[in-house]
Amino acid sequence: MRPFTGLLWIGALFLTAGWTLQREISLHVSQPILNATVAKNVLLSVAYTCKGVPVIEWKHTATWGTTTIAEWKPGTYTNISSSYRDRVEVYSNGSLHILNVAMSDSGYYLVTVTEEFGTTIYGTILLTVYEIRYEDLHFVAVFFAILTAVSAILICLMWLCNKSLHLLQKERHPLKESATEETELQMIGC
């Protein structure tokens, strides 16, 4: 029975060590890099697991500095920054939904999940916001339409000039023929 008891103690020791070394908190960032266009909605999706109810905090970091967007404890309180109050929705899984993104929303988003006992885990998402230049496309389309109209008018004018030139040549040509006929008739002696 002694070997069995020794194995049981070793097994219990490994289970206890594994349980104490196991992380109390984890965070999964589903898409660490996001691209969006201006005026679209963006979901910064994360999922956490922990024992107890954590405090979740989102910050935006760009070249001009760091801004706290929101901090909340699911089921307890939600504190959203005044500059994001009308544009942000928070979810109990830790995700952040930004409505109507602007160019200034580009940058790094740092999510911090802190457990009741002080264990903290971080996640980062890079958001790049692009601006679609419809004005440039509109300008090119209008410019092309104007050039097409001007070229059509010029073609019509060239056609009219060509027709009037042919009419003038036909009027002059019969006069020359009649003068030539008269000269020919005089030479014959009629």
N, C-alpha and C. Protein backbone atom coordinates (compact mmCIF):
# COMPACT_ATOMS: atom_id res chain seq x y z
N MET A 1 0.80 -1.18 0.00
CA MET A 1 0.00 0.00 0.00
C MET A 1 0.85 1.26 0.00
N ARG A 2 2.06 1.17 0.42
CA ARG A 2 2.92 2.34 0.47
C ARG A 2 3.13 2.97 -0.91
N PRO A 3 3.41 2.23 -1.98
CA PRO A 3 3.62 2.87 -3.28
C PRO A 3 2.37 3.60 -3.75
N PHE A 4 1.21 3.04 -3.48
CA PHE A 4 -0.03 3.68 -3.90
C PHE A 4 -0.23 4.99 -3.15
N THR A 5 0.06 5.03 -1.87
CA THR A 5 -0.07 6.24 -1.06
C THR A 5 0.91 7.30 -1.53
N GLY A 6 2.12 6.91 -1.88
CA GLY A 6 3.12 7.86 -2.40
C GLY A 6 2.68 8.47 -3.71
N LEU A 7 2.14 7.64 -4.60
CA LEU A 7 1.62 8.15 -5.87
C LEU A 7 0.45 9.10 -5.65
N LEU A 8 -0.37 8.78 -4.70
CA LEU A 8 -1.52 9.64 -4.39
C LEU A 8 -1.05 11.00 -3.90
N TRP A 9 -0.01 11.01 -3.04
CA TRP A 9 0.53 12.28 -2.55
C TRP A 9 1.19 13.08 -3.67
N ILE A 10 1.91 12.40 -4.53
CA ILE A 10 2.55 13.10 -5.67
C ILE A 10 1.49 13.68 -6.59
N GLY A 11 0.44 12.90 -6.85
CA GLY A 11 -0.65 13.40 -7.70
C GLY A 11 -1.35 14.60 -7.08
N ALA A 12 -1.59 14.53 -5.78
CA ALA A 12 -2.24 15.65 -5.07
C ALA A 12 -1.34 16.88 -5.10
N LEU A 13 -0.02 16.68 -4.97
CA LEU A 13 0.92 17.79 -5.02
C LEU A 13 0.89 18.48 -6.38
N PHE A 14 0.89 17.69 -7.46
CA PHE A 14 0.84 18.26 -8.81
C PHE A 14 -0.48 18.99 -9.05
N LEU A 15 -1.59 18.42 -8.60
CA LEU A 15 -2.88 19.09 -8.77
C LEU A 15 -2.92 20.41 -8.01
N THR A 16 -2.39 20.42 -6.79
CA THR A 16 -2.36 21.64 -6.00
C THR A 16 -1.47 22.69 -6.64
N ALA A 17 -0.32 22.28 -7.12
CA ALA A 17 0.61 23.21 -7.78
C ALA A 17 -0.02 23.75 -9.06
N GLY A 18 -0.66 22.89 -9.82
CA GLY A 18 -1.33 23.35 -11.05
C GLY A 18 -2.46 24.31 -10.76
N TRP A 19 -3.20 24.06 -9.68
CA TRP A 19 -4.32 24.93 -9.33
C TRP A 19 -3.83 26.31 -8.88
N THR A 20 -2.71 26.34 -8.11
CA THR A 20 -2.20 27.63 -7.65
C THR A 20 -1.49 28.39 -8.76
N LEU A 21 -0.91 27.69 -9.73
CA LEU A 21 -0.24 28.38 -10.83
C LEU A 21 -1.21 28.81 -11.93
N GLN A 22 -2.41 28.27 -11.89
CA GLN A 22 -3.39 28.61 -12.92
C GLN A 22 -3.74 30.09 -12.81
N ARG A 23 -3.83 30.75 -13.95
CA ARG A 23 -4.17 32.17 -13.95
C ARG A 23 -5.62 32.33 -13.55
N GLU A 24 -5.87 33.32 -12.76
CA GLU A 24 -7.22 33.59 -12.29
C GLU A 24 -8.01 34.37 -13.34
N ILE A 25 -7.33 34.95 -14.33
CA ILE A 25 -7.98 35.82 -15.29
C ILE A 25 -7.37 35.60 -16.67
N SER A 26 -8.21 35.68 -17.71
CA SER A 26 -7.70 35.59 -19.08
C SER A 26 -8.48 36.56 -19.97
N LEU A 27 -7.86 36.98 -21.04
CA LEU A 27 -8.47 37.93 -21.97
C LEU A 27 -8.16 37.48 -23.38
N HIS A 28 -9.19 37.47 -24.23
CA HIS A 28 -9.02 37.09 -25.63
C HIS A 28 -9.45 38.26 -26.52
N VAL A 29 -8.52 38.74 -27.35
CA VAL A 29 -8.82 39.80 -28.32
C VAL A 29 -9.01 39.11 -29.66
N SER A 30 -10.24 39.17 -30.19
CA SER A 30 -10.55 38.41 -31.41
C SER A 30 -9.90 39.01 -32.65
N GLN A 31 -9.85 40.34 -32.78
CA GLN A 31 -9.22 40.98 -33.93
C GLN A 31 -8.29 42.09 -33.43
N PRO A 32 -6.99 41.84 -33.38
CA PRO A 32 -6.08 42.86 -32.85
C PRO A 32 -5.83 44.02 -33.81
N ILE A 33 -6.18 43.86 -35.10
CA ILE A 33 -6.00 44.94 -36.07
C ILE A 33 -7.32 45.13 -36.80
N LEU A 34 -7.85 46.36 -36.77
CA LEU A 34 -9.12 46.67 -37.43
C LEU A 34 -8.94 47.85 -38.37
N ASN A 35 -9.64 47.80 -39.50
CA ASN A 35 -9.68 48.90 -40.45
C ASN A 35 -11.14 49.33 -40.60
N ALA A 36 -11.37 50.64 -40.69
CA ALA A 36 -12.73 51.16 -40.85
C ALA A 36 -12.67 52.43 -41.68
N THR A 37 -13.82 52.81 -42.20
CA THR A 37 -13.93 54.08 -42.92
C THR A 37 -14.70 55.06 -42.05
N VAL A 38 -14.54 56.32 -42.36
CA VAL A 38 -15.17 57.38 -41.58
C VAL A 38 -16.69 57.18 -41.58
N ALA A 39 -17.31 57.47 -40.44
CA ALA A 39 -18.76 57.43 -40.23
C ALA A 39 -19.32 56.01 -40.12
N LYS A 40 -18.48 55.00 -40.00
CA LYS A 40 -18.94 53.63 -39.78
C LYS A 40 -18.87 53.30 -38.29
N ASN A 41 -19.49 52.19 -37.91
CA ASN A 41 -19.44 51.72 -36.53
C ASN A 41 -18.40 50.61 -36.41
N VAL A 42 -17.68 50.58 -35.29
CA VAL A 42 -16.62 49.60 -35.08
C VAL A 42 -16.84 48.90 -33.74
N LEU A 43 -16.73 47.58 -33.76
CA LEU A 43 -16.83 46.79 -32.53
C LEU A 43 -15.45 46.31 -32.15
N LEU A 44 -14.96 46.77 -31.01
CA LEU A 44 -13.69 46.31 -30.46
C LEU A 44 -14.04 45.12 -29.57
N SER A 45 -13.92 43.94 -30.15
CA SER A 45 -14.43 42.74 -29.52
C SER A 45 -13.37 42.03 -28.68
N VAL A 46 -13.70 41.81 -27.41
CA VAL A 46 -12.85 41.04 -26.51
C VAL A 46 -13.74 40.12 -25.68
N ALA A 47 -13.14 39.15 -25.05
CA ALA A 47 -13.84 38.27 -24.13
C ALA A 47 -12.90 37.94 -22.98
N TYR A 48 -13.39 38.02 -21.76
CA TYR A 48 -12.56 37.71 -20.60
C TYR A 48 -13.20 36.58 -19.80
N THR A 49 -12.35 35.92 -19.05
CA THR A 49 -12.83 34.94 -18.07
C THR A 49 -12.08 35.21 -16.78
N CYS A 50 -12.80 35.19 -15.69
CA CYS A 50 -12.17 35.36 -14.39
C CYS A 50 -13.13 34.91 -13.31
N LYS A 51 -12.60 34.76 -12.13
CA LYS A 51 -13.43 34.43 -10.98
C LYS A 51 -13.86 35.75 -10.36
N GLY A 52 -15.13 35.95 -10.23
CA GLY A 52 -15.63 37.20 -9.69
C GLY A 52 -15.97 38.17 -10.82
N VAL A 53 -16.27 39.40 -10.42
CA VAL A 53 -16.64 40.45 -11.37
C VAL A 53 -15.49 41.43 -11.48
N PRO A 54 -14.90 41.59 -12.67
CA PRO A 54 -13.74 42.47 -12.82
C PRO A 54 -14.15 43.91 -13.11
N VAL A 55 -13.16 44.79 -13.09
CA VAL A 55 -13.31 46.16 -13.56
C VAL A 55 -12.66 46.22 -14.93
N ILE A 56 -13.39 46.74 -15.92
CA ILE A 56 -12.91 46.80 -17.30
C ILE A 56 -12.69 48.26 -17.65
N GLU A 57 -11.53 48.55 -18.24
CA GLU A 57 -11.21 49.92 -18.61
C GLU A 57 -10.67 49.95 -20.04
N TRP A 58 -11.18 50.88 -20.84
CA TRP A 58 -10.70 51.08 -22.21
C TRP A 58 -10.04 52.45 -22.31
N LYS A 59 -8.86 52.48 -22.95
CA LYS A 59 -8.15 53.74 -23.20
C LYS A 59 -7.78 53.81 -24.67
N HIS A 60 -7.75 55.03 -25.19
CA HIS A 60 -7.35 55.29 -26.58
C HIS A 60 -6.02 56.02 -26.55
N THR A 61 -5.04 55.47 -27.26
CA THR A 61 -3.72 56.09 -27.33
C THR A 61 -3.42 56.45 -28.78
N ALA A 62 -3.12 57.72 -29.00
CA ALA A 62 -2.76 58.22 -30.33
C ALA A 62 -1.52 59.10 -30.17
N THR A 63 -1.11 59.72 -31.26
CA THR A 63 0.11 60.54 -31.22
C THR A 63 -0.03 61.73 -30.29
N TRP A 64 -1.25 62.20 -30.05
CA TRP A 64 -1.44 63.38 -29.21
C TRP A 64 -1.70 63.04 -27.74
N GLY A 65 -1.74 61.76 -27.39
CA GLY A 65 -1.87 61.41 -25.99
C GLY A 65 -2.82 60.24 -25.75
N THR A 66 -3.09 60.00 -24.47
CA THR A 66 -3.96 58.89 -24.05
C THR A 66 -5.22 59.44 -23.42
N THR A 67 -6.35 58.86 -23.81
CA THR A 67 -7.65 59.27 -23.29
C THR A 67 -8.37 58.05 -22.73
N THR A 68 -8.93 58.18 -21.55
CA THR A 68 -9.75 57.11 -20.98
C THR A 68 -11.14 57.22 -21.60
N ILE A 69 -11.60 56.11 -22.19
CA ILE A 69 -12.90 56.09 -22.85
C ILE A 69 -13.99 55.68 -21.86
N ALA A 70 -13.79 54.52 -21.25
CA ALA A 70 -14.83 54.00 -20.35
C ALA A 70 -14.21 53.10 -19.30
N GLU A 71 -14.91 53.02 -18.19
CA GLU A 71 -14.55 52.08 -17.12
C GLU A 71 -15.86 51.58 -16.53
N TRP A 72 -15.96 50.29 -16.39
CA TRP A 72 -17.18 49.74 -15.82
C TRP A 72 -16.94 48.41 -15.14
N LYS A 73 -17.86 48.11 -14.27
CA LYS A 73 -17.89 46.82 -13.58
C LYS A 73 -19.24 46.21 -13.96
N PRO A 74 -19.22 45.15 -14.75
CA PRO A 74 -20.49 44.59 -15.25
C PRO A 74 -21.49 44.34 -14.13
N GLY A 75 -22.69 44.87 -14.35
CA GLY A 75 -23.76 44.69 -13.38
C GLY A 75 -23.74 45.68 -12.23
N THR A 76 -22.70 46.53 -12.16
CA THR A 76 -22.60 47.46 -11.03
C THR A 76 -22.63 48.91 -11.49
N TYR A 77 -21.58 49.36 -12.15
CA TYR A 77 -21.52 50.76 -12.58
C TYR A 77 -20.87 50.87 -13.95
N THR A 78 -21.14 51.98 -14.63
CA THR A 78 -20.53 52.29 -15.92
C THR A 78 -20.16 53.75 -15.92
N ASN A 79 -18.90 54.05 -16.24
CA ASN A 79 -18.42 55.42 -16.28
C ASN A 79 -17.82 55.66 -17.66
N ILE A 80 -18.52 56.44 -18.48
CA ILE A 80 -18.06 56.73 -19.85
C ILE A 80 -17.62 58.18 -19.92
N SER A 81 -16.49 58.42 -20.55
CA SER A 81 -15.94 59.77 -20.69
C SER A 81 -16.94 60.66 -21.44
N SER A 82 -16.98 61.93 -21.08
CA SER A 82 -17.95 62.86 -21.69
C SER A 82 -17.73 63.01 -23.20
N SER A 83 -16.49 62.90 -23.66
CA SER A 83 -16.22 63.05 -25.09
C SER A 83 -16.68 61.83 -25.90
N TYR A 84 -16.93 60.71 -25.23
CA TYR A 84 -17.38 59.50 -25.91
C TYR A 84 -18.81 59.10 -25.52
N ARG A 85 -19.45 59.84 -24.66
CA ARG A 85 -20.73 59.43 -24.09
C ARG A 85 -21.79 59.08 -25.14
N ASP A 86 -21.91 59.85 -26.20
CA ASP A 86 -22.94 59.60 -27.21
C ASP A 86 -22.48 58.63 -28.30
N ARG A 87 -21.23 58.22 -28.28
CA ARG A 87 -20.70 57.40 -29.37
C ARG A 87 -20.23 56.02 -28.95
N VAL A 88 -20.42 55.65 -27.69
CA VAL A 88 -19.85 54.39 -27.20
C VAL A 88 -20.93 53.55 -26.53
N GLU A 89 -20.85 52.26 -26.80
CA GLU A 89 -21.68 51.29 -26.08
C GLU A 89 -20.73 50.26 -25.46
N VAL A 90 -20.99 49.88 -24.22
CA VAL A 90 -20.16 48.88 -23.55
C VAL A 90 -20.96 47.61 -23.36
N TYR A 91 -20.26 46.49 -23.35
CA TYR A 91 -20.90 45.19 -23.20
C TYR A 91 -20.31 44.46 -22.00
N SER A 92 -21.09 43.56 -21.43
CA SER A 92 -20.66 42.86 -20.22
C SER A 92 -19.47 41.93 -20.47
N ASN A 93 -19.23 41.51 -21.73
CA ASN A 93 -18.08 40.65 -22.01
C ASN A 93 -16.79 41.44 -22.15
N GLY A 94 -16.87 42.78 -22.04
CA GLY A 94 -15.69 43.63 -22.12
C GLY A 94 -15.53 44.35 -23.44
N SER A 95 -16.40 44.05 -24.42
CA SER A 95 -16.29 44.67 -25.74
C SER A 95 -16.76 46.12 -25.71
N LEU A 96 -16.25 46.87 -26.67
CA LEU A 96 -16.57 48.29 -26.79
C LEU A 96 -17.04 48.55 -28.21
N HIS A 97 -18.18 49.21 -28.37
CA HIS A 97 -18.74 49.52 -29.69
C HIS A 97 -18.66 51.03 -29.88
N ILE A 98 -17.87 51.47 -30.87
CA ILE A 98 -17.73 52.90 -31.15
C ILE A 98 -18.58 53.22 -32.37
N LEU A 99 -19.46 54.19 -32.21
CA LEU A 99 -20.37 54.59 -33.27
C LEU A 99 -19.80 55.80 -34.01
N ASN A 100 -20.00 55.81 -35.32
CA ASN A 100 -19.65 56.97 -36.15
C ASN A 100 -18.19 57.38 -35.97
N VAL A 101 -17.26 56.48 -36.32
CA VAL A 101 -15.83 56.76 -36.12
C VAL A 101 -15.37 57.91 -36.99
N ALA A 102 -14.36 58.61 -36.52
CA ALA A 102 -13.75 59.73 -37.23
C ALA A 102 -12.26 59.42 -37.41
N MET A 103 -11.59 60.26 -38.18
CA MET A 103 -10.16 60.08 -38.40
C MET A 103 -9.40 60.15 -37.07
N SER A 104 -9.88 60.95 -36.14
CA SER A 104 -9.21 61.09 -34.84
C SER A 104 -9.32 59.83 -33.98
N ASP A 105 -10.19 58.89 -34.37
CA ASP A 105 -10.32 57.65 -33.61
C ASP A 105 -9.25 56.62 -33.97
N SER A 106 -8.42 56.91 -34.95
CA SER A 106 -7.32 56.01 -35.29
C SER A 106 -6.34 55.94 -34.13
N GLY A 107 -5.76 54.77 -33.91
CA GLY A 107 -4.77 54.61 -32.86
C GLY A 107 -4.90 53.28 -32.17
N TYR A 108 -4.26 53.17 -31.02
CA TYR A 108 -4.27 51.95 -30.23
C TYR A 108 -5.33 52.05 -29.14
N TYR A 109 -6.05 50.97 -28.95
CA TYR A 109 -7.04 50.88 -27.89
C TYR A 109 -6.57 49.83 -26.90
N LEU A 110 -6.41 50.25 -25.67
CA LEU A 110 -5.90 49.38 -24.62
C LEU A 110 -7.04 49.02 -23.68
N VAL A 111 -7.29 47.73 -23.55
CA VAL A 111 -8.30 47.26 -22.61
C VAL A 111 -7.58 46.66 -21.41
N THR A 112 -8.03 47.04 -20.20
CA THR A 112 -7.46 46.54 -18.96
C THR A 112 -8.57 45.85 -18.18
N VAL A 113 -8.35 44.60 -17.84
CA VAL A 113 -9.31 43.85 -17.03
C VAL A 113 -8.63 43.55 -15.69
N THR A 114 -9.22 44.08 -14.61
CA THR A 114 -8.64 43.91 -13.28
C THR A 114 -9.62 43.14 -12.42
N GLU A 115 -9.13 42.04 -11.85
CA GLU A 115 -9.95 41.20 -11.01
C GLU A 115 -10.07 41.81 -9.61
N GLU A 116 -11.02 41.35 -8.85
CA GLU A 116 -11.25 41.87 -7.51
C GLU A 116 -10.02 41.76 -6.61
N PHE A 117 -9.20 40.74 -6.84
CA PHE A 117 -8.03 40.51 -6.00
C PHE A 117 -6.78 41.23 -6.51
N GLY A 118 -6.92 42.05 -7.57
CA GLY A 118 -5.81 42.85 -8.05
C GLY A 118 -5.07 42.30 -9.26
N THR A 119 -5.41 41.11 -9.71
CA THR A 119 -4.76 40.56 -10.91
C THR A 119 -5.26 41.34 -12.13
N THR A 120 -4.30 41.78 -12.96
CA THR A 120 -4.63 42.60 -14.13
C THR A 120 -4.09 41.95 -15.39
N ILE A 121 -4.87 42.07 -16.46
CA ILE A 121 -4.44 41.59 -17.76
C ILE A 121 -4.79 42.65 -18.79
N TYR A 122 -3.94 42.76 -19.83
CA TYR A 122 -4.08 43.81 -20.83
C TYR A 122 -4.30 43.22 -22.22
N GLY A 123 -4.96 43.98 -23.06
CA GLY A 123 -5.13 43.63 -24.46
C GLY A 123 -5.06 44.90 -25.29
N THR A 124 -4.60 44.78 -26.53
CA THR A 124 -4.44 45.95 -27.40
C THR A 124 -5.07 45.68 -28.75
N ILE A 125 -5.74 46.71 -29.29
CA ILE A 125 -6.32 46.65 -30.63
C ILE A 125 -5.87 47.90 -31.37
N LEU A 126 -5.39 47.71 -32.61
CA LEU A 126 -5.00 48.83 -33.46
C LEU A 126 -6.14 49.12 -34.42
N LEU A 127 -6.65 50.35 -34.38
CA LEU A 127 -7.73 50.77 -35.28
C LEU A 127 -7.19 51.81 -36.24
N THR A 128 -7.38 51.56 -37.53
CA THR A 128 -7.00 52.52 -38.56
C THR A 128 -8.26 52.97 -39.28
N VAL A 129 -8.51 54.28 -39.29
CA VAL A 129 -9.70 54.84 -39.93
C VAL A 129 -9.27 55.53 -41.21
N TYR A 130 -9.94 55.17 -42.31
CA TYR A 130 -9.65 55.75 -43.61
C TYR A 130 -10.78 56.68 -44.03
N GLU A 131 -10.42 57.68 -44.81
CA GLU A 131 -11.40 58.61 -45.34
C GLU A 131 -11.58 58.35 -46.82
N ILE A 132 -12.81 58.18 -47.25
CA ILE A 132 -13.10 57.97 -48.66
C ILE A 132 -13.30 59.34 -49.29
N ARG A 133 -12.61 59.59 -50.35
CA ARG A 133 -12.65 60.88 -51.02
C ARG A 133 -13.66 60.88 -52.15
N TYR A 134 -14.94 61.02 -51.80
CA TYR A 134 -15.98 61.10 -52.82
C TYR A 134 -15.88 62.41 -53.59
N GLU A 135 -15.38 63.47 -52.95
CA GLU A 135 -15.29 64.76 -53.62
C GLU A 135 -14.37 64.67 -54.84
N ASP A 136 -13.26 63.96 -54.72
CA ASP A 136 -12.35 63.82 -55.85
C ASP A 136 -13.00 63.07 -56.99
N LEU A 137 -13.69 62.01 -56.67
CA LEU A 137 -14.38 61.23 -57.69
C LEU A 137 -15.47 62.06 -58.35
N HIS A 138 -16.18 62.84 -57.57
CA HIS A 138 -17.22 63.70 -58.10
C HIS A 138 -16.62 64.75 -59.04
N PHE A 139 -15.50 65.33 -58.63
CA PHE A 139 -14.83 66.33 -59.46
C PHE A 139 -14.41 65.72 -60.80
N VAL A 140 -13.84 64.53 -60.78
CA VAL A 140 -13.39 63.87 -62.01
C VAL A 140 -14.59 63.59 -62.91
N ALA A 141 -15.68 63.13 -62.35
CA ALA A 141 -16.87 62.83 -63.15
C ALA A 141 -17.44 64.08 -63.79
N VAL A 142 -17.52 65.16 -63.04
CA VAL A 142 -18.04 66.42 -63.60
C VAL A 142 -17.09 66.97 -64.65
N PHE A 143 -15.80 66.91 -64.39
CA PHE A 143 -14.82 67.39 -65.36
C PHE A 143 -14.90 66.59 -66.66
N PHE A 144 -15.04 65.28 -66.56
CA PHE A 144 -15.17 64.42 -67.74
C PHE A 144 -16.46 64.74 -68.50
N ALA A 145 -17.55 65.00 -67.81
CA ALA A 145 -18.81 65.35 -68.48
C ALA A 145 -18.69 66.68 -69.22
N ILE A 146 -18.02 67.64 -68.59
CA ILE A 146 -17.83 68.94 -69.25
C ILE A 146 -16.95 68.79 -70.48
N LEU A 147 -15.87 68.04 -70.38
CA LEU A 147 -15.01 67.82 -71.55
C LEU A 147 -15.76 67.11 -72.68
N THR A 148 -16.60 66.16 -72.34
CA THR A 148 -17.40 65.46 -73.35
C THR A 148 -18.36 66.42 -74.04
N ALA A 149 -19.02 67.29 -73.28
CA ALA A 149 -19.95 68.25 -73.86
C ALA A 149 -19.23 69.24 -74.76
N VAL A 150 -18.08 69.75 -74.31
CA VAL A 150 -17.31 70.69 -75.13
C VAL A 150 -16.83 70.02 -76.41
N SER A 151 -16.36 68.79 -76.31
CA SER A 151 -15.89 68.10 -77.53
C SER A 151 -17.06 67.84 -78.48
N ALA A 152 -18.25 67.53 -77.97
CA ALA A 152 -19.42 67.33 -78.85
C ALA A 152 -19.79 68.62 -79.56
N ILE A 153 -19.73 69.73 -78.84
CA ILE A 153 -20.03 71.03 -79.46
C ILE A 153 -19.00 71.36 -80.53
N LEU A 154 -17.73 71.12 -80.25
CA LEU A 154 -16.68 71.39 -81.24
C LEU A 154 -16.83 70.50 -82.48
N ILE A 155 -17.20 69.27 -82.29
CA ILE A 155 -17.42 68.36 -83.43
C ILE A 155 -18.57 68.87 -84.28
N CYS A 156 -19.65 69.31 -83.65
CA CYS A 156 -20.79 69.85 -84.40
C CYS A 156 -20.39 71.10 -85.17
N LEU A 157 -19.63 71.98 -84.55
CA LEU A 157 -19.17 73.19 -85.23
C LEU A 157 -18.26 72.86 -86.41
N MET A 158 -17.39 71.90 -86.23
CA MET A 158 -16.51 71.50 -87.33
C MET A 158 -17.34 70.90 -88.48
N TRP A 159 -18.38 70.14 -88.17
CA TRP A 159 -19.23 69.57 -89.21
C TRP A 159 -19.97 70.67 -89.96
N LEU A 160 -20.49 71.68 -89.22
CA LEU A 160 -21.17 72.80 -89.87
C LEU A 160 -20.21 73.59 -90.76
N CYS A 161 -19.01 73.82 -90.27
CA CYS A 161 -18.01 74.53 -91.09
C CYS A 161 -17.69 73.75 -92.35
N ASN A 162 -17.54 72.46 -92.23
CA ASN A 162 -17.24 71.62 -93.38
C ASN A 162 -18.38 71.66 -94.40
N LYS A 163 -19.63 71.56 -93.95
CA LYS A 163 -20.79 71.63 -94.86
C LYS A 163 -20.89 72.98 -95.54
N SER A 164 -20.70 74.07 -94.78
CA SER A 164 -20.78 75.39 -95.40
C SER A 164 -19.65 75.60 -96.39
N LEU A 165 -18.48 75.06 -96.13
CA LEU A 165 -17.38 75.16 -97.08
C LEU A 165 -17.71 74.43 -98.37
N HIS A 166 -18.30 73.24 -98.28
CA HIS A 166 -18.71 72.49 -99.48
C HIS A 166 -19.79 73.23 -100.26
N LEU A 167 -20.73 73.89 -99.57
CA LEU A 167 -21.77 74.66 -100.26
C LEU A 167 -21.16 75.84 -101.01
N LEU A 168 -20.23 76.52 -100.35
CA LEU A 168 -19.56 77.65 -101.01
C LEU A 168 -18.76 77.19 -102.22
N GLN A 169 -18.11 76.06 -102.10
CA GLN A 169 -17.34 75.55 -103.23
C GLN A 169 -18.26 75.16 -104.39
N LYS A 170 -19.43 74.61 -104.09
CA LYS A 170 -20.37 74.24 -105.15
C LYS A 170 -20.92 75.46 -105.84
N GLU A 171 -21.17 76.55 -105.08
CA GLU A 171 -21.67 77.78 -105.70
C GLU A 171 -20.61 78.39 -106.61
N ARG A 172 -19.37 78.38 -106.22
CA ARG A 172 -18.30 78.97 -107.03
C ARG A 172 -17.98 78.08 -108.23
N HIS A 173 -18.04 76.83 -108.05
CA HIS A 173 -17.68 75.90 -109.13
C HIS A 173 -18.63 76.01 -110.34
N PRO A 174 -19.95 76.11 -110.19
CA PRO A 174 -20.79 76.29 -111.38
C PRO A 174 -20.51 77.62 -112.06
N LEU A 175 -20.18 78.66 -111.37
CA LEU A 175 -19.85 79.93 -112.01
C LEU A 175 -18.60 79.78 -112.86
N LYS A 176 -17.64 79.09 -112.36
CA LYS A 176 -16.42 78.89 -113.13
C LYS A 176 -16.71 78.05 -114.37
N GLU A 177 -17.59 77.09 -114.25
CA GLU A 177 -17.92 76.26 -115.40
C GLU A 177 -18.62 77.09 -116.48
N SER A 178 -19.51 77.98 -116.06
CA SER A 178 -20.20 78.79 -117.05
C SER A 178 -19.23 79.76 -117.73
N ALA A 179 -18.30 80.30 -117.03
CA ALA A 179 -17.30 81.18 -117.64
C ALA A 179 -16.41 80.37 -118.57
N THR A 180 -16.08 79.18 -118.20
CA THR A 180 -15.25 78.32 -119.04
C THR A 180 -16.01 77.92 -120.29
N GLU A 181 -17.30 77.62 -120.14
CA GLU A 181 -18.11 77.27 -121.31
C GLU A 181 -18.17 78.42 -122.30
N GLU A 182 -18.34 79.62 -121.76
CA GLU A 182 -18.42 80.79 -122.63
C GLU A 182 -17.14 81.00 -123.41
N THR A 183 -16.04 80.80 -122.74
CA THR A 183 -14.75 80.95 -123.40
C THR A 183 -14.58 79.87 -124.45
N GLU A 184 -14.98 78.67 -124.14
CA GLU A 184 -14.87 77.59 -125.10
C GLU A 184 -15.76 77.84 -126.31
N LEU A 185 -16.96 78.37 -126.07
CA LEU A 185 -17.88 78.63 -127.17
C LEU A 185 -17.33 79.74 -128.08
N GLN A 186 -16.67 80.73 -127.51
CA GLN A 186 -16.10 81.79 -128.33
C GLN A 186 -14.97 81.27 -129.17
N MET A 187 -14.20 80.37 -128.63
CA MET A 187 -13.07 79.83 -129.39
C MET A 187 -13.56 78.99 -130.54
N ILE A 188 -14.62 78.30 -130.40
CA ILE A 188 -15.14 77.47 -131.47
C ILE A 188 -15.73 78.36 -132.54
N GLY A 189 -16.20 79.49 -132.18
CA GLY A 189 -16.75 80.41 -133.13
C GLY A 189 -18.26 80.39 -133.18
N CYS A 190 -18.85 80.06 -132.23
CA CYS A 190 -20.31 80.04 -132.26
C CYS A 190 -20.89 81.32 -131.81
